[in-house]
Amino acid sequence: KPIRDPWVNVLVPLTGGLLAGAAILRYLARRGR
């Protein structure tokens, strides 16, 4: 059982959420045009 760096538990989900949010905004912006 590896010990993960606490920042990994914060940064990985946060980065994934930001990327998903950016993709949704890009999709909505294209759709609105």
All heavy atoms as atom14 arrays in JSON, in Angstrom:
{
  "sequence": "KPIRDPWVNVLVPLTGGLLAGAAILRYLARRGR",
  "atom14_mask": [
    [1, 1, 1, 1, 1, 1, 1, 1, 1, 0, 0, 0, 0, 0],
    [1, 1, 1, 1, 1, 1, 1, 0, 0, 0, 0, 0, 0, 0],
    [1, 1, 1, 1, 1, 1, 1, 1, 0, 0, 0, 0, 0, 0],
    [1, 1, 1, 1, 1, 1, 1, 1, 1, 1, 1, 0, 0, 0],
    [1, 1, 1, 1, 1, 1, 1, 1, 0, 0, 0, 0, 0, 0],
    [1, 1, 1, 1, 1, 1, 1, 0, 0, 0, 0, 0, 0, 0],
    [1, 1, 1, 1, 1, 1, 1, 1, 1, 1, 1, 1, 1, 1],
    [1, 1, 1, 1, 1, 1, 1, 0, 0, 0, 0, 0, 0, 0],
    [1, 1, 1, 1, 1, 1, 1, 1, 0, 0, 0, 0, 0, 0],
    [1, 1, 1, 1, 1, 1, 1, 0, 0, 0, 0, 0, 0, 0],
    [1, 1, 1, 1, 1, 1, 1, 1, 0, 0, 0, 0, 0, 0],
    [1, 1, 1, 1, 1, 1, 1, 0, 0, 0, 0, 0, 0, 0],
    [1, 1, 1, 1, 1, 1, 1, 0, 0, 0, 0, 0, 0, 0],
    [1, 1, 1, 1, 1, 1, 1, 1, 0, 0, 0, 0, 0, 0],
    [1, 1, 1, 1, 1, 1, 1, 0, 0, 0, 0, 0, 0, 0],
    [1, 1, 1, 1, 0, 0, 0, 0, 0, 0, 0, 0, 0, 0],
    [1, 1, 1, 1, 0, 0, 0, 0, 0, 0, 0, 0, 0, 0],
    [1, 1, 1, 1, 1, 1, 1, 1, 0, 0, 0, 0, 0, 0],
    [1, 1, 1, 1, 1, 1, 1, 1, 0, 0, 0, 0, 0, 0],
    [1, 1, 1, 1, 1, 0, 0, 0, 0, 0, 0, 0, 0, 0],
    [1, 1, 1, 1, 0, 0, 0, 0, 0, 0, 0, 0, 0, 0],
    [1, 1, 1, 1, 1, 0, 0, 0, 0, 0, 0, 0, 0, 0],
    [1, 1, 1, 1, 1, 0, 0, 0, 0, 0, 0, 0, 0, 0],
    [1, 1, 1, 1, 1, 1, 1, 1, 0, 0, 0, 0, 0, 0],
    [1, 1, 1, 1, 1, 1, 1, 1, 0, 0, 0, 0, 0, 0],
    [1, 1, 1, 1, 1, 1, 1, 1, 1, 1, 1, 0, 0, 0],
    [1, 1, 1, 1, 1, 1, 1, 1, 1, 1, 1, 1, 0, 0],
    [1, 1, 1, 1, 1, 1, 1, 1, 0, 0, 0, 0, 0, 0],
    [1, 1, 1, 1, 1, 0, 0, 0, 0, 0, 0, 0, 0, 0],
    [1, 1, 1, 1, 1, 1, 1, 1, 1, 1, 1, 0, 0, 0],
    [1, 1, 1, 1, 1, 1, 1, 1, 1, 1, 1, 0, 0, 0],
    [1, 1, 1, 1, 0, 0, 0, 0, 0, 0, 0, 0, 0, 0],
    [1, 1, 1, 1, 1, 1, 1, 1, 1, 1, 1, 0, 0, 0]
  ],
  "atom14_positions": [
    [[0.85, -1.18, 0.0], [0.0, 0.0, 0.0], [0.9, 1.24, 0.0], [1.55, 1.53, 0.99], [-0.92, -0.01, 1.21], [-1.86, -1.21, 1.18], [-2.92, -1.12, 2.21], [-3.86, -2.32, 2.07], [-5.01, -2.19, 2.92], [0.0, 0.0, 0.0], [0.0, 0.0, 0.0], [0.0, 0.0, 0.0], [0.0, 0.0, 0.0], [0.0, 0.0, 0.0]],
    [[0.93, 1.97, -1.14], [1.77, 3.16, -1.2], [1.19, 4.3, -0.38], [-0.02, 4.39, -0.19], [1.77, 3.52, -2.69], [0.5, 2.94, -3.22], [0.22, 1.71, -2.38], [0.0, 0.0, 0.0], [0.0, 0.0, 0.0], [0.0, 0.0, 0.0], [0.0, 0.0, 0.0], [0.0, 0.0, 0.0], [0.0, 0.0, 0.0], [0.0, 0.0, 0.0]],
    [[2.08, 5.15, 0.11], [1.66, 6.37, 0.79], [1.73, 7.47, -0.26], [2.8, 7.76, -0.8], [2.58, 6.7, 1.98], [2.5, 5.6, 3.02], [2.22, 8.05, 2.57], [3.51, 5.75, 4.15], [0.0, 0.0, 0.0], [0.0, 0.0, 0.0], [0.0, 0.0, 0.0], [0.0, 0.0, 0.0], [0.0, 0.0, 0.0], [0.0, 0.0, 0.0]],
    [[0.6, 8.07, -0.54], [0.58, 9.13, -1.55], [0.79, 10.47, -0.88], [0.37, 10.7, 0.24], [-0.75, 9.12, -2.29], [-0.89, 7.89, -3.16], [-2.18, 7.85, -3.89], [-2.35, 9.04, -4.71], [-3.38, 9.25, -5.49], [-4.32, 8.34, -5.58], [-3.48, 10.34, -6.21], [0.0, 0.0, 0.0], [0.0, 0.0, 0.0], [0.0, 0.0, 0.0]],
    [[1.4, 11.36, -1.62], [1.58, 12.73, -1.16], [0.21, 13.37, -1.01], [-0.62, 13.26, -1.91], [2.41, 13.48, -2.2], [2.8, 14.88, -1.77], [2.13, 15.46, -0.89], [3.78, 15.4, -2.32], [0.0, 0.0, 0.0], [0.0, 0.0, 0.0], [0.0, 0.0, 0.0], [0.0, 0.0, 0.0], [0.0, 0.0, 0.0], [0.0, 0.0, 0.0]],
    [[-0.06, 14.04, 0.11], [-1.38, 14.64, 0.29], [-1.77, 15.6, -0.83], [-2.94, 15.71, -1.18], [-1.27, 15.41, 1.61], [-0.08, 14.85, 2.3], [0.8, 14.25, 1.25], [0.0, 0.0, 0.0], [0.0, 0.0, 0.0], [0.0, 0.0, 0.0], [0.0, 0.0, 0.0], [0.0, 0.0, 0.0], [0.0, 0.0, 0.0], [0.0, 0.0, 0.0]],
    [[-0.79, 16.27, -1.43], [-1.11, 17.19, -2.52], [-1.62, 16.46, -3.75], [-2.39, 17.0, -4.53], [0.09, 18.06, -2.88], [0.26, 19.16, -1.9], [1.18, 19.26, -0.91], [-0.56, 20.33, -1.78], [1.0, 20.4, -0.18], [-0.06, 21.09, -0.7], [-1.66, 20.8, -2.47], [-0.63, 22.29, -0.32], [-2.22, 22.01, -2.08], [-1.71, 22.74, -1.01]],
    [[-1.2, 15.21, -3.93], [-1.69, 14.43, -5.06], [-3.19, 14.23, -4.92], [-3.95, 14.31, -5.9], [-0.95, 13.07, -5.15], [-1.6, 12.17, -6.18], [0.51, 13.3, -5.49], [0.0, 0.0, 0.0], [0.0, 0.0, 0.0], [0.0, 0.0, 0.0], [0.0, 0.0, 0.0], [0.0, 0.0, 0.0], [0.0, 0.0, 0.0], [0.0, 0.0, 0.0]],
    [[-3.66, 14.0, -3.69], [-5.09, 13.8, -3.44], [-5.89, 15.07, -3.7], [-7.09, 15.0, -3.92], [-5.32, 13.32, -2.01], [-4.74, 11.95, -1.76], [-4.56, 11.17, -2.7], [-4.42, 11.65, -0.53], [0.0, 0.0, 0.0], [0.0, 0.0, 0.0], [0.0, 0.0, 0.0], [0.0, 0.0, 0.0], [0.0, 0.0, 0.0], [0.0, 0.0, 0.0]],
    [[-5.24, 16.22, -3.67], [-5.93, 17.5, -3.94], [-5.75, 17.91, -5.39], [-6.73, 18.25, -6.07], [-5.38, 18.61, -3.0], [-5.93, 19.96, -3.38], [-5.68, 18.28, -1.55], [0.0, 0.0, 0.0], [0.0, 0.0, 0.0], [0.0, 0.0, 0.0], [0.0, 0.0, 0.0], [0.0, 0.0, 0.0], [0.0, 0.0, 0.0], [0.0, 0.0, 0.0]],
    [[-4.51, 17.88, -5.88], [-4.22, 18.41, -7.22], [-4.78, 17.57, -8.35], [-5.25, 18.11, -9.35], [-2.71, 18.58, -7.39], [-2.08, 19.68, -6.55], [-0.58, 19.72, -6.77], [-2.69, 21.03, -6.86], [0.0, 0.0, 0.0], [0.0, 0.0, 0.0], [0.0, 0.0, 0.0], [0.0, 0.0, 0.0], [0.0, 0.0, 0.0], [0.0, 0.0, 0.0]],
    [[-4.75, 16.25, -8.24], [-5.24, 15.4, -9.33], [-6.73, 15.62, -9.55], [-7.16, 15.9, -10.68], [-4.89, 13.92, -9.08], [-5.6, 13.02, -10.08], [-3.38, 13.72, -9.16], [0.0, 0.0, 0.0], [0.0, 0.0, 0.0], [0.0, 0.0, 0.0], [0.0, 0.0, 0.0], [0.0, 0.0, 0.0], [0.0, 0.0, 0.0], [0.0, 0.0, 0.0]],
    [[-7.59, 15.54, -8.51], [-9.01, 15.81, -8.75], [-9.28, 17.25, -9.19], [-10.12, 17.5, -10.05], [-9.68, 15.53, -7.4], [-8.72, 14.67, -6.66], [-7.37, 15.05, -7.15], [0.0, 0.0, 0.0], [0.0, 0.0, 0.0], [0.0, 0.0, 0.0], [0.0, 0.0, 0.0], [0.0, 0.0, 0.0], [0.0, 0.0, 0.0], [0.0, 0.0, 0.0]],
    [[-8.53, 18.2, -8.6], [-8.72, 19.61, -8.96], [-8.36, 19.85, -10.42], [-9.11, 20.49, -11.16], [-7.87, 20.5, -8.05], [-7.99, 22.0, -8.26], [-9.43, 22.46, -8.0], [-7.04, 22.74, -7.36], [0.0, 0.0, 0.0], [0.0, 0.0, 0.0], [0.0, 0.0, 0.0], [0.0, 0.0, 0.0], [0.0, 0.0, 0.0], [0.0, 0.0, 0.0]],
    [[-7.26, 19.31, -10.87], [-6.85, 19.45, -12.27], [-7.86, 18.79, -13.2], [-8.25, 19.36, -14.23], [-5.45, 18.84, -12.49], [-4.54, 19.47, -11.6], [-4.98, 19.01, -13.91], [0.0, 0.0, 0.0], [0.0, 0.0, 0.0], [0.0, 0.0, 0.0], [0.0, 0.0, 0.0], [0.0, 0.0, 0.0], [0.0, 0.0, 0.0], [0.0, 0.0, 0.0]],
    [[-8.31, 17.6, -12.82], [-9.33, 16.92, -13.63], [-10.61, 17.73, -13.71], [-11.22, 17.85, -14.78], [0.0, 0.0, 0.0], [0.0, 0.0, 0.0], [0.0, 0.0, 0.0], [0.0, 0.0, 0.0], [0.0, 0.0, 0.0], [0.0, 0.0, 0.0], [0.0, 0.0, 0.0], [0.0, 0.0, 0.0], [0.0, 0.0, 0.0], [0.0, 0.0, 0.0]],
    [[-11.02, 18.3, -12.59], [-12.24, 19.13, -12.58], [-12.08, 20.38, -13.44], [-13.0, 20.76, -14.16], [0.0, 0.0, 0.0], [0.0, 0.0, 0.0], [0.0, 0.0, 0.0], [0.0, 0.0, 0.0], [0.0, 0.0, 0.0], [0.0, 0.0, 0.0], [0.0, 0.0, 0.0], [0.0, 0.0, 0.0], [0.0, 0.0, 0.0], [0.0, 0.0, 0.0]],
    [[-10.92, 21.03, -13.36], [-10.68, 22.22, -14.17], [-10.67, 21.89, -15.66], [-11.23, 22.64, -16.47], [-9.36, 22.88, -13.77], [-9.35, 23.57, -12.41], [-7.94, 24.04, -12.07], [-10.32, 24.74, -12.38], [0.0, 0.0, 0.0], [0.0, 0.0, 0.0], [0.0, 0.0, 0.0], [0.0, 0.0, 0.0], [0.0, 0.0, 0.0], [0.0, 0.0, 0.0]],
    [[-10.04, 20.77, -16.02], [-10.02, 20.37, -17.43], [-11.43, 20.04, -17.93], [-11.8, 20.41, -19.04], [-9.08, 19.18, -17.63], [-7.6, 19.48, -17.48], [-6.78, 18.19, -17.54], [-7.12, 20.47, -18.52], [0.0, 0.0, 0.0], [0.0, 0.0, 0.0], [0.0, 0.0, 0.0], [0.0, 0.0, 0.0], [0.0, 0.0, 0.0], [0.0, 0.0, 0.0]],
    [[-12.2, 19.34, -17.1], [-13.57, 19.01, -17.5], [-14.41, 20.27, -17.63], [-15.2, 20.42, -18.57], [-14.2, 18.06, -16.47], [0.0, 0.0, 0.0], [0.0, 0.0, 0.0], [0.0, 0.0, 0.0], [0.0, 0.0, 0.0], [0.0, 0.0, 0.0], [0.0, 0.0, 0.0], [0.0, 0.0, 0.0], [0.0, 0.0, 0.0], [0.0, 0.0, 0.0]],
    [[-14.23, 21.2, -16.68], [-14.97, 22.47, -16.74], [-14.62, 23.26, -17.98], [-15.49, 23.83, -18.65], [0.0, 0.0, 0.0], [0.0, 0.0, 0.0], [0.0, 0.0, 0.0], [0.0, 0.0, 0.0], [0.0, 0.0, 0.0], [0.0, 0.0, 0.0], [0.0, 0.0, 0.0], [0.0, 0.0, 0.0], [0.0, 0.0, 0.0], [0.0, 0.0, 0.0]],
    [[-13.34, 23.3, -18.35], [-12.9, 24.02, -19.55], [-13.49, 23.37, -20.8], [-13.93, 24.08, -21.73], [-11.38, 24.04, -19.62], [0.0, 0.0, 0.0], [0.0, 0.0, 0.0], [0.0, 0.0, 0.0], [0.0, 0.0, 0.0], [0.0, 0.0, 0.0], [0.0, 0.0, 0.0], [0.0, 0.0, 0.0], [0.0, 0.0, 0.0], [0.0, 0.0, 0.0]],
    [[-13.54, 22.05, -20.83], [-14.12, 21.35, -21.99], [-15.61, 21.65, -22.11], [-16.12, 21.88, -23.22], [-13.88, 19.85, -21.86], [0.0, 0.0, 0.0], [0.0, 0.0, 0.0], [0.0, 0.0, 0.0], [0.0, 0.0, 0.0], [0.0, 0.0, 0.0], [0.0, 0.0, 0.0], [0.0, 0.0, 0.0], [0.0, 0.0, 0.0], [0.0, 0.0, 0.0]],
    [[-16.32, 21.7, -21.0], [-17.75, 22.01, -21.03], [-17.97, 23.44, -21.51], [-18.85, 23.69, -22.35], [-18.38, 21.77, -19.64], [-18.39, 20.27, -19.33], [-19.78, 22.37, -19.56], [-18.75, 19.94, -17.89], [0.0, 0.0, 0.0], [0.0, 0.0, 0.0], [0.0, 0.0, 0.0], [0.0, 0.0, 0.0], [0.0, 0.0, 0.0], [0.0, 0.0, 0.0]],
    [[-17.19, 24.38, -21.0], [-17.32, 25.78, -21.43], [-17.02, 25.93, -22.92], [-17.71, 26.66, -23.63], [-16.4, 26.67, -20.61], [-16.81, 26.89, -19.15], [-15.74, 27.68, -18.41], [-18.16, 27.61, -19.07], [0.0, 0.0, 0.0], [0.0, 0.0, 0.0], [0.0, 0.0, 0.0], [0.0, 0.0, 0.0], [0.0, 0.0, 0.0], [0.0, 0.0, 0.0]],
    [[-16.01, 25.23, -23.4], [-15.68, 25.29, -24.83], [-16.83, 24.73, -25.67], [-17.2, 25.29, -26.69], [-14.4, 24.5, -25.09], [-13.88, 24.71, -26.5], [-12.57, 24.02, -26.79], [-11.64, 24.13, -25.69], [-10.73, 23.21, -25.39], [-10.64, 22.11, -26.12], [-9.92, 23.36, -24.38], [0.0, 0.0, 0.0], [0.0, 0.0, 0.0], [0.0, 0.0, 0.0]],
    [[-17.4, 23.63, -25.21], [-18.53, 23.02, -25.92], [-19.71, 23.99, -25.96], [-20.33, 24.18, -27.01], [-18.93, 21.71, -25.24], [-20.2, 21.12, -25.78], [-20.22, 20.46, -27.0], [-21.4, 21.26, -25.08], [-21.38, 19.94, -27.51], [-22.58, 20.74, -25.58], [-22.58, 20.08, -26.79], [-23.74, 19.56, -27.29], [0.0, 0.0, 0.0], [0.0, 0.0, 0.0]],
    [[-20.01, 24.6, -24.81], [-21.15, 25.53, -24.75], [-20.9, 26.76, -25.62], [-21.83, 27.27, -26.27], [-21.43, 25.94, -23.31], [-21.97, 24.82, -22.39], [-22.06, 25.32, -20.97], [-23.31, 24.32, -22.9], [0.0, 0.0, 0.0], [0.0, 0.0, 0.0], [0.0, 0.0, 0.0], [0.0, 0.0, 0.0], [0.0, 0.0, 0.0], [0.0, 0.0, 0.0]],
    [[-19.66, 27.24, -25.65], [-19.34, 28.41, -26.48], [-19.49, 28.08, -27.96], [-20.03, 28.89, -28.72], [-17.9, 28.87, -26.17], [0.0, 0.0, 0.0], [0.0, 0.0, 0.0], [0.0, 0.0, 0.0], [0.0, 0.0, 0.0], [0.0, 0.0, 0.0], [0.0, 0.0, 0.0], [0.0, 0.0, 0.0], [0.0, 0.0, 0.0], [0.0, 0.0, 0.0]],
    [[-19.07, 26.92, -28.38], [-19.23, 26.52, -29.78], [-20.69, 26.34, -30.13], [-21.13, 26.69, -31.21], [-18.49, 25.22, -30.06], [-17.0, 25.39, -30.11], [-16.34, 24.08, -30.46], [-14.89, 24.21, -30.4], [-14.06, 23.2, -30.38], [-14.54, 21.97, -30.44], [-12.78, 23.4, -30.34], [0.0, 0.0, 0.0], [0.0, 0.0, 0.0], [0.0, 0.0, 0.0]],
    [[-21.43, 25.77, -29.22], [-22.85, 25.51, -29.46], [-23.63, 26.81, -29.57], [-24.57, 26.93, -30.34], [-23.4, 24.65, -28.34], [-24.72, 24.08, -28.65], [-25.04, 22.99, -27.68], [-26.25, 22.37, -28.1], [-27.16, 21.85, -27.32], [-26.97, 21.87, -26.03], [-28.25, 21.3, -27.79], [0.0, 0.0, 0.0], [0.0, 0.0, 0.0], [0.0, 0.0, 0.0]],
    [[-23.22, 27.8, -28.75], [-23.91, 29.09, -28.77], [-23.67, 29.87, -30.06], [-24.46, 30.73, -30.42], [0.0, 0.0, 0.0], [0.0, 0.0, 0.0], [0.0, 0.0, 0.0], [0.0, 0.0, 0.0], [0.0, 0.0, 0.0], [0.0, 0.0, 0.0], [0.0, 0.0, 0.0], [0.0, 0.0, 0.0], [0.0, 0.0, 0.0], [0.0, 0.0, 0.0]],
    [[-22.6, 29.6, -30.76], [-22.3, 30.3, -32.02], [-23.16, 29.81, -33.16], [-23.34, 30.49, -34.14], [-20.83, 30.09, -32.38], [-19.87, 30.9, -31.55], [-18.5, 30.84, -32.15], [-17.57, 30.44, -31.09], [-16.42, 29.87, -31.26], [-16.02, 29.57, -32.47], [-15.64, 29.57, -30.27], [0.0, 0.0, 0.0], [0.0, 0.0, 0.0], [0.0, 0.0, 0.0]]
  ]
}
